[in-house]
Amino acid sequence: MSEAPSILLLADPTVVERLADAMSSAEVAAQADPIEALETLSQRPYDTVLVALPQPDLPNLIRAIRRLQPDCRVFGLCTPVGEYEMRMSRTDPRTLMEDYFIIPPTGREWREILGPSRPAGPSPALSARQISELIEATGSTDELCEKVAALVEAICRCEVRWGRTDRRAGVQQLCRVESTPPRVLWAVEPAMLDDDQTRWLADLRSQLPSLSVAAGRTDTLTRLAMTDHLTGVHNRRYFLREAAKRLQIAAEKLVPATLMVYDIDNFKRYNDTYGHATGDEILREIARLMVQTTRRHDLVARIGGDEFAVLFCDFGPPRKPGSQPPRTAYELATRFRAAVLSHEFRALGPGAAGTLTISGGLATFPWNGNTIESLLLRADEALLTAKAKGKNNIYLIGEARQG
């Protein structure tokens, strides 16, 4: 009696249940998570792998499967809706799938799936654990680069460093990650690699293009998730999360931080008079002015409507004696108010400088609040005070100053 074929099915539980009867003659293991599936593949051989999970980078996943088990056959399974994406992956030379089928496969298609395994091929240079770690590190390009550098240092036994160019005379280039700009991994000192290390490094290089694409895609999604779509500064959700982290650092380092909340005076009037397209352009210019006025480490965000927030923190080393002290948050805020007052807003036409103003309120950590939520409440109160004083004003809690 012939041995039952072994199948690893990458699918969610509903698909596994739907296909169970058709695979009753096979020995089947199912995984819903790609990383766990690769771990399973590293533990024992399989005749066939069926991939029925929608994947943002299917070619990369299947290449990883091939590296782990070059002798197994790989088929894709998809719904009619997902056929286009599967067909595009099937034509990608990196994918190396035998074929793909619509769920549920026909009797003839099942016979092909349950057929004999592929002839033996070369064994992989990258280990199962290393491939899993690399795929897991595609959460960002920075994370991928950190993992690649750690693996190269461990395998090639040399100190490495990432750079931004591949044109450095006399320095040994080991690999590169395609990003904007590309990142090149250099050996700090020339590395004498043996055959196994050279083969391992070549295998890593062959994996990096698709890994870079996956990490870059995640970078883009992360950037979109933290950015206000209209102005390009941070959005409210990211601001609250990041501000909370920075306040925690400020508490640990025993340094103050100041939150400024500001909005455009009489903004509704500009919307009503000039239209919402002009209002949007005003918001974009206001955001650009704030970014230009503040320091690189200040946190700028649009938190709703025409309301913006800035968290001023200083976590740098102590100043040297006699050096110029940094601007205070109040000085930066009044400088921004003056910049808005003198700015020629293109959307309002020539001669409009001085007609548009902002008002802002400032609250200081930890004296006016020890959380970002409490600071926002106090800064909003200060903003209302600034408005009550006649607008075009910056008010710092506890000080009756006017810009």
Protein backbone atom coordinates (compact mmCIF):
# COMPACT_ATOMS: atom_id res chain seq x y z
CA MET A 1 0.00 0.00 0.00
CA SER A 2 1.45 3.39 -1.03
CA GLU A 3 2.15 6.02 1.61
CA ALA A 4 -0.40 8.87 1.87
CA PRO A 5 0.87 12.14 0.39
CA SER A 6 1.66 14.85 2.93
CA ILE A 7 0.17 18.31 2.42
CA LEU A 8 0.70 21.59 4.26
CA LEU A 9 -2.31 23.85 3.69
CA LEU A 10 -1.93 27.60 4.31
CA ALA A 11 -5.54 28.70 4.72
CA ASP A 12 -8.00 30.13 7.21
CA PRO A 13 -10.21 27.64 9.09
CA THR A 14 -13.25 28.10 6.81
CA VAL A 15 -11.23 27.09 3.72
CA VAL A 16 -9.67 24.15 5.59
CA GLU A 17 -13.13 22.88 6.52
CA ARG A 18 -14.37 23.34 2.95
CA LEU A 19 -11.50 21.28 1.49
CA ALA A 20 -11.33 18.60 4.21
CA ASP A 21 -13.36 15.90 2.39
CA ALA A 22 -11.37 16.21 -0.84
CA MET A 23 -8.08 15.77 1.07
CA SER A 24 -9.22 12.82 3.20
CA SER A 25 -6.76 10.47 1.48
CA ALA A 26 -3.78 12.69 2.36
CA GLU A 27 -1.93 13.52 5.55
CA VAL A 28 -2.81 17.20 6.02
CA ALA A 29 -1.43 19.89 8.34
CA ALA A 30 -3.05 23.34 8.27
CA GLN A 31 -1.66 26.73 9.25
CA ALA A 32 -3.37 30.13 9.06
CA ASP A 33 -0.19 32.14 9.75
CA PRO A 34 2.62 32.27 7.13
CA ILE A 35 5.40 32.53 9.73
CA GLU A 36 4.09 29.51 11.64
CA ALA A 37 3.78 27.66 8.32
CA LEU A 38 7.47 28.26 7.60
CA GLU A 39 8.30 26.98 11.07
CA THR A 40 6.27 23.84 10.32
CA LEU A 41 8.13 23.36 7.03
CA SER A 42 11.44 23.59 8.88
CA GLN A 43 10.51 20.62 11.09
CA ARG A 44 9.62 17.91 8.53
CA PRO A 45 9.31 17.37 4.74
CA TYR A 46 6.03 17.73 2.82
CA ASP A 47 5.10 16.51 -0.65
CA THR A 48 2.88 19.50 -1.43
CA VAL A 49 2.20 22.98 -0.07
CA LEU A 50 -1.13 24.64 -0.88
CA VAL A 51 -1.25 28.42 -0.43
CA ALA A 52 -4.81 29.70 -0.02
CA LEU A 53 -4.05 32.82 2.03
CA PRO A 54 -4.20 36.28 0.39
CA GLN A 55 -0.63 37.60 0.62
CA PRO A 56 0.68 41.14 -0.06
CA ASP A 57 3.95 39.57 -1.22
CA LEU A 58 3.10 36.07 -2.44
CA PRO A 59 6.33 35.64 -4.49
CA ASN A 60 8.43 36.24 -1.39
CA LEU A 61 6.46 33.69 0.63
CA ILE A 62 6.74 30.99 -2.03
CA ARG A 63 10.46 31.62 -2.50
CA ALA A 64 10.84 31.08 1.25
CA ILE A 65 8.91 27.81 0.95
CA ARG A 66 11.17 26.73 -1.92
CA ARG A 67 14.28 27.53 0.09
CA LEU A 68 13.06 25.41 2.98
CA GLN A 69 11.82 22.47 0.90
CA PRO A 70 13.04 22.56 -2.71
CA ASP A 71 11.63 19.07 -3.36
CA CYS A 72 7.99 19.85 -2.55
CA ARG A 73 5.41 21.10 -5.04
CA VAL A 74 3.62 24.41 -4.46
CA PHE A 75 0.12 25.24 -5.70
CA GLY A 76 -1.99 28.34 -5.19
CA LEU A 77 -5.69 28.25 -4.31
CA CYS A 78 -7.93 31.28 -4.65
CA THR A 79 -11.51 32.46 -5.04
CA PRO A 80 -12.68 33.85 -8.40
CA VAL A 81 -12.29 37.36 -6.95
CA GLY A 82 -8.63 36.71 -6.12
CA GLU A 83 -7.76 35.05 -9.43
CA TYR A 84 -6.20 38.14 -11.03
CA GLU A 85 -3.71 38.60 -8.17
CA MET A 86 -2.91 34.89 -8.18
CA ARG A 87 -2.42 34.86 -11.95
CA MET A 88 -0.02 37.81 -11.74
CA SER A 89 1.97 35.96 -9.06
CA ARG A 90 1.94 32.82 -11.19
CA THR A 91 3.64 34.70 -14.04
CA ASP A 92 6.29 36.20 -11.73
CA PRO A 93 9.49 34.20 -12.34
CA ARG A 94 10.32 34.49 -8.63
CA THR A 95 7.16 32.60 -7.65
CA LEU A 96 7.92 29.10 -8.97
CA MET A 97 4.41 27.72 -8.41
CA GLU A 98 3.41 24.61 -10.29
CA ASP A 99 -0.05 26.06 -10.91
CA TYR A 100 -3.04 27.64 -9.19
CA PHE A 101 -6.68 26.53 -8.99
CA ILE A 102 -10.02 28.10 -8.11
CA ILE A 103 -11.53 26.88 -4.81
CA PRO A 104 -12.74 24.15 -4.78
CA PRO A 105 -10.43 22.34 -7.25
CA THR A 106 -11.98 19.83 -9.66
CA GLY A 107 -11.29 16.09 -9.48
CA ARG A 108 -8.60 16.31 -12.16
CA GLU A 109 -6.97 19.24 -10.34
CA TRP A 110 -6.95 17.29 -7.07
CA ARG A 111 -5.23 14.40 -8.81
CA GLU A 112 -2.53 16.80 -9.95
CA ILE A 113 -2.19 18.25 -6.44
CA LEU A 114 -1.90 14.77 -4.88
CA GLY A 115 0.54 13.54 -7.54
CA PRO A 116 4.26 12.73 -7.15
CA SER A 117 6.70 15.22 -5.66
CA ARG A 118 9.27 17.22 -7.62
CA PRO A 119 12.73 15.85 -8.32
CA ALA A 120 15.33 16.74 -5.72
CA GLY A 121 17.10 20.10 -6.01
CA PRO A 122 19.91 21.91 -4.20
CA SER A 123 19.55 22.48 -0.46
CA PRO A 124 19.05 26.03 0.79
CA ALA A 125 21.88 28.12 2.21
CA LEU A 126 19.66 30.25 4.45
CA SER A 127 18.21 28.24 7.32
CA ALA A 128 14.50 27.98 8.07
CA ARG A 129 14.90 30.10 11.17
CA GLN A 130 16.79 32.81 9.26
CA ILE A 131 14.15 32.98 6.53
CA SER A 132 11.40 33.24 9.15
CA GLU A 133 13.27 36.01 10.95
CA LEU A 134 13.80 37.97 7.73
CA ILE A 135 10.14 37.76 6.74
CA GLU A 136 9.11 38.74 10.26
CA ALA A 137 11.42 41.77 10.02
CA THR A 138 9.59 43.27 7.02
CA GLY A 139 7.51 45.40 9.42
CA SER A 140 9.69 48.32 8.29
CA THR A 141 12.81 48.95 6.22
CA ASP A 142 14.72 49.93 9.37
CA GLU A 143 13.74 46.67 11.06
CA LEU A 144 14.74 44.65 7.98
CA CYS A 145 18.13 46.38 7.78
CA GLU A 146 18.76 45.74 11.47
CA LYS A 147 17.99 42.03 11.07
CA VAL A 148 20.12 41.70 7.89
CA ALA A 149 23.10 43.35 9.57
CA ALA A 150 22.79 41.07 12.62
CA LEU A 151 22.64 37.93 10.46
CA VAL A 152 25.57 38.99 8.26
CA GLU A 153 27.73 39.78 11.29
CA ALA A 154 26.88 36.41 12.86
CA ILE A 155 27.49 34.32 9.70
CA CYS A 156 30.35 36.23 8.05
CA ARG A 157 32.00 37.15 11.36
CA CYS A 158 32.76 40.72 10.44
CA GLU A 159 31.66 44.14 11.63
CA VAL A 160 29.26 45.80 9.19
CA ARG A 161 27.72 49.21 8.68
CA TRP A 162 24.89 50.53 6.50
CA GLY A 163 25.62 53.36 4.06
CA ARG A 164 23.72 55.33 1.43
CA THR A 165 25.96 54.77 -1.58
CA ASP A 166 27.54 51.89 -3.47
CA ARG A 167 30.46 53.95 -4.80
CA ARG A 168 33.03 53.82 -2.01
CA ALA A 169 36.49 52.90 -3.21
CA GLY A 170 38.31 50.18 -1.33
CA VAL A 171 35.34 49.13 0.84
CA GLN A 172 33.75 45.69 0.56
CA GLN A 173 30.05 45.79 -0.35
CA LEU A 174 28.15 42.81 1.08
CA CYS A 175 24.51 43.42 0.09
CA ARG A 176 21.93 46.15 -0.42
CA VAL A 177 18.32 46.89 0.47
CA GLU A 178 16.30 48.75 -2.14
CA SER A 179 14.76 51.76 -0.43
CA THR A 180 14.72 55.50 -1.06
CA PRO A 181 17.64 56.03 -1.18
CA PRO A 182 19.09 52.48 -1.40
CA ARG A 183 20.97 51.22 1.65
CA VAL A 184 24.25 49.39 1.16
CA LEU A 185 25.82 47.10 3.77
CA TRP A 186 29.60 47.46 4.00
CA ALA A 187 32.24 45.47 5.84
CA VAL A 188 34.07 47.85 8.20
CA GLU A 189 37.23 45.82 7.56
CA PRO A 190 37.77 43.52 4.52
CA ALA A 191 36.16 40.14 5.24
CA MET A 192 37.77 36.88 4.05
CA LEU A 193 34.73 34.69 3.28
CA ASP A 194 34.92 30.93 2.84
CA ASP A 195 32.77 29.01 0.32
CA ASP A 196 29.89 28.43 2.75
CA GLN A 197 29.78 32.09 3.77
CA THR A 198 29.94 33.22 0.13
CA ARG A 199 27.09 30.89 -0.79
CA TRP A 200 25.05 32.03 2.21
CA LEU A 201 25.58 35.68 1.28
CA ALA A 202 24.56 35.03 -2.35
CA ASP A 203 21.38 33.37 -1.11
CA LEU A 204 20.66 36.37 1.12
CA ARG A 205 21.15 38.75 -1.81
CA SER A 206 18.65 36.78 -3.89
CA GLN A 207 16.04 37.16 -1.13
CA LEU A 208 16.53 40.86 -0.42
CA PRO A 209 14.72 42.40 -3.45
CA SER A 210 11.35 40.88 -2.55
CA LEU A 211 11.92 41.44 1.18
CA SER A 212 12.72 45.10 0.42
CA VAL A 213 9.46 45.47 -1.50
CA ALA A 214 7.48 44.02 1.40
CA ALA A 215 9.19 46.28 3.95
CA GLY A 216 8.76 49.34 1.71
CA ARG A 217 5.08 48.59 1.32
CA THR A 218 4.71 48.47 5.10
CA ASP A 219 6.66 51.74 5.42
CA THR A 220 4.19 53.39 3.05
CA LEU A 221 1.17 52.09 4.95
CA THR A 222 2.70 53.20 8.25
CA ARG A 223 3.42 56.66 6.87
CA LEU A 224 -0.15 56.98 5.59
CA ALA A 225 -1.53 55.84 8.95
CA MET A 226 0.38 58.54 10.86
CA THR A 227 -0.08 61.45 8.42
CA ASP A 228 -2.90 63.94 8.04
CA HIS A 229 -4.06 63.53 4.43
CA LEU A 230 -4.65 67.25 3.86
CA THR A 231 -1.65 69.00 5.39
CA GLY A 232 1.05 66.31 5.45
CA VAL A 233 1.83 66.80 9.16
CA HIS A 234 1.05 64.10 11.74
CA ASN A 235 -2.57 63.20 12.44
CA ARG A 236 -4.31 63.23 15.83
CA ARG A 237 -4.03 59.49 16.50
CA TYR A 238 -0.29 59.37 15.91
CA PHE A 239 0.24 62.63 17.82
CA LEU A 240 -1.48 61.32 20.97
CA ARG A 241 0.49 58.07 20.89
CA GLU A 242 3.87 59.67 20.18
CA ALA A 243 3.32 62.58 22.59
CA ALA A 244 2.57 60.12 25.41
CA LYS A 245 5.90 58.38 24.71
CA ARG A 246 7.80 61.67 24.71
CA LEU A 247 6.22 62.82 27.97
CA GLN A 248 7.31 59.55 29.56
CA ILE A 249 10.88 60.24 28.42
CA ALA A 250 10.59 63.81 29.74
CA ALA A 251 9.52 62.43 33.13
CA GLU A 252 12.44 59.98 33.20
CA LYS A 253 14.98 62.65 32.19
CA LEU A 254 13.41 65.29 34.48
CA VAL A 255 13.08 67.81 31.65
CA PRO A 256 10.07 70.04 30.93
CA ALA A 257 7.92 69.85 27.82
CA THR A 258 5.40 72.34 26.49
CA LEU A 259 2.26 71.72 24.48
CA MET A 260 0.88 74.40 22.18
CA VAL A 261 -2.62 74.22 20.71
CA TYR A 262 -3.53 76.84 18.11
CA ASP A 263 -6.17 77.53 15.50
CA ILE A 264 -6.91 80.09 12.80
CA ASP A 265 -8.88 83.11 13.95
CA ASN A 266 -12.30 83.33 12.24
CA PHE A 267 -11.49 80.38 9.97
CA LYS A 268 -15.17 79.78 9.17
CA ARG A 269 -15.31 83.23 7.59
CA TYR A 270 -12.56 82.28 5.13
CA ASN A 271 -14.39 79.07 4.23
CA ASP A 272 -17.67 80.93 3.72
CA THR A 273 -16.11 83.79 1.73
CA TYR A 274 -13.54 81.99 -0.43
CA GLY A 275 -14.82 78.39 -0.47
CA HIS A 276 -13.56 75.15 1.02
CA ALA A 277 -10.80 74.69 -1.58
CA THR A 278 -9.25 77.97 -0.42
CA GLY A 279 -9.77 76.92 3.20
CA ASP A 280 -7.88 73.70 2.52
CA GLU A 281 -5.00 75.59 0.93
CA ILE A 282 -4.83 77.91 3.97
CA LEU A 283 -4.56 74.87 6.26
CA ARG A 284 -1.75 73.45 4.13
CA GLU A 285 0.18 76.75 4.22
CA ILE A 286 -0.33 77.12 7.97
CA ALA A 287 1.08 73.61 8.47
CA ARG A 288 4.09 74.39 6.24
CA LEU A 289 4.78 77.59 8.18
CA MET A 290 4.70 75.74 11.50
CA VAL A 291 7.09 73.05 10.25
CA GLN A 292 9.46 75.76 8.98
CA THR A 293 9.27 77.67 12.27
CA THR A 294 9.72 74.78 14.69
CA ARG A 295 12.74 72.55 15.26
CA ARG A 296 13.19 69.13 13.69
CA HIS A 297 12.55 67.29 16.96
CA ASP A 298 9.30 69.16 17.76
CA LEU A 299 6.12 67.15 17.17
CA VAL A 300 3.63 68.92 14.86
CA ALA A 301 0.11 67.63 14.14
CA ARG A 302 -3.30 68.64 12.90
CA ILE A 303 -5.71 67.42 15.58
CA GLY A 304 -9.02 68.47 14.03
CA GLY A 305 -10.56 71.06 11.70
CA ASP A 306 -8.34 74.14 11.79
CA GLU A 307 -6.80 73.14 15.14
CA PHE A 308 -3.14 72.15 15.35
CA ALA A 309 -0.87 71.01 18.18
CA VAL A 310 2.88 71.14 18.75
CA LEU A 311 4.81 69.39 21.51
CA PHE A 312 8.10 71.08 22.32
CA CYS A 313 10.63 68.78 24.04
CA ASP A 314 14.39 68.99 24.58
CA PHE A 315 16.08 65.65 25.21
CA GLY A 316 19.56 66.59 24.04
CA PRO A 317 22.77 66.61 26.14
CA PRO A 318 23.43 69.50 28.56
CA ARG A 319 24.54 72.73 26.90
CA LYS A 320 28.20 73.65 27.01
CA PRO A 321 29.08 76.70 29.15
CA GLY A 322 28.76 79.90 27.16
CA SER A 323 26.68 78.32 24.38
CA GLN A 324 23.53 79.97 23.04
CA PRO A 325 20.49 78.62 24.94
CA PRO A 326 17.70 77.15 22.80
CA ARG A 327 14.55 79.13 22.13
CA THR A 328 11.80 78.57 24.65
CA ALA A 329 8.46 77.18 23.52
CA TYR A 330 6.88 80.59 24.11
CA GLU A 331 9.46 82.29 21.90
CA LEU A 332 8.91 79.73 19.13
CA ALA A 333 5.14 80.15 19.42
CA THR A 334 5.29 83.95 19.18
CA ARG A 335 7.70 83.69 16.27
CA PHE A 336 5.18 81.46 14.49
CA ARG A 337 2.34 83.90 15.23
CA ALA A 338 4.39 86.70 13.69
CA ALA A 339 5.26 84.55 10.66
CA VAL A 340 1.57 83.90 9.98
CA LEU A 341 0.72 87.59 10.38
CA SER A 342 3.31 88.64 7.78
CA HIS A 343 2.75 85.74 5.38
CA GLU A 344 1.29 86.36 1.92
CA PHE A 345 -1.29 83.58 1.58
CA ARG A 346 -1.50 82.87 -2.15
CA ALA A 347 -5.03 81.55 -1.91
CA LEU A 348 -6.27 84.93 -0.61
CA GLY A 349 -4.71 86.91 -3.44
CA PRO A 350 -2.16 89.77 -3.46
CA GLY A 351 -2.14 92.23 -0.58
CA ALA A 352 -3.66 89.78 1.88
CA ALA A 353 -0.72 89.76 4.30
CA GLY A 354 -1.83 90.69 7.80
CA THR A 355 -5.45 89.69 7.32
CA LEU A 356 -5.10 86.10 8.60
CA THR A 357 -4.04 85.46 12.19
CA ILE A 358 -3.76 82.59 14.66
CA SER A 359 -4.23 82.29 18.41
CA GLY A 360 -2.57 79.72 20.63
CA GLY A 361 -2.48 78.40 24.15
CA LEU A 362 0.46 76.76 25.90
CA ALA A 363 0.54 74.32 28.84
CA THR A 364 3.71 72.99 30.43
CA PHE A 365 4.55 69.47 31.61
CA PRO A 366 4.51 68.49 34.42
CA TRP A 367 3.16 71.62 36.15
CA ASN A 368 -0.05 72.03 34.11
CA GLY A 369 -0.64 68.32 33.51
CA ASN A 370 1.23 65.02 33.62
CA THR A 371 -0.48 63.29 30.65
CA ILE A 372 -1.04 64.38 27.08
CA GLU A 373 -4.81 64.35 27.66
CA SER A 374 -4.58 66.68 30.68
CA LEU A 375 -2.15 68.97 28.84
CA LEU A 376 -4.56 69.20 25.89
CA LEU A 377 -7.36 70.28 28.23
CA ARG A 378 -5.21 72.99 29.81
CA ALA A 379 -3.81 74.16 26.47
CA ASP A 380 -7.38 74.45 25.13
CA GLU A 381 -8.25 76.59 28.15
CA ALA A 382 -5.24 78.79 27.40
CA LEU A 383 -6.34 79.04 23.77
CA LEU A 384 -9.78 80.30 24.86
CA THR A 385 -8.03 82.89 27.05
CA ALA A 386 -5.97 84.03 24.06
CA LYS A 387 -9.16 84.39 21.99
CA ALA A 388 -10.83 86.38 24.78
CA LYS A 389 -7.89 88.80 24.80
CA GLY A 390 -8.66 89.83 21.23
CA LYS A 391 -7.22 86.98 19.11
CA ASN A 392 -3.87 87.12 17.25
CA ASN A 393 -2.48 86.14 20.63
CA ILE A 394 -0.37 83.49 22.39
CA TYR A 395 -1.22 82.73 26.03
CA LEU A 396 0.96 80.67 28.37
CA ILE A 397 -0.81 79.39 31.48
CA GLY A 398 0.26 81.38 34.53
CA GLU A 399 1.68 84.31 32.57
CA ALA A 400 -0.37 87.16 31.16
CA ARG A 401 1.84 87.61 28.12
CA GLN A 402 0.66 88.75 24.74
CA GLY A 403 2.55 88.23 21.47
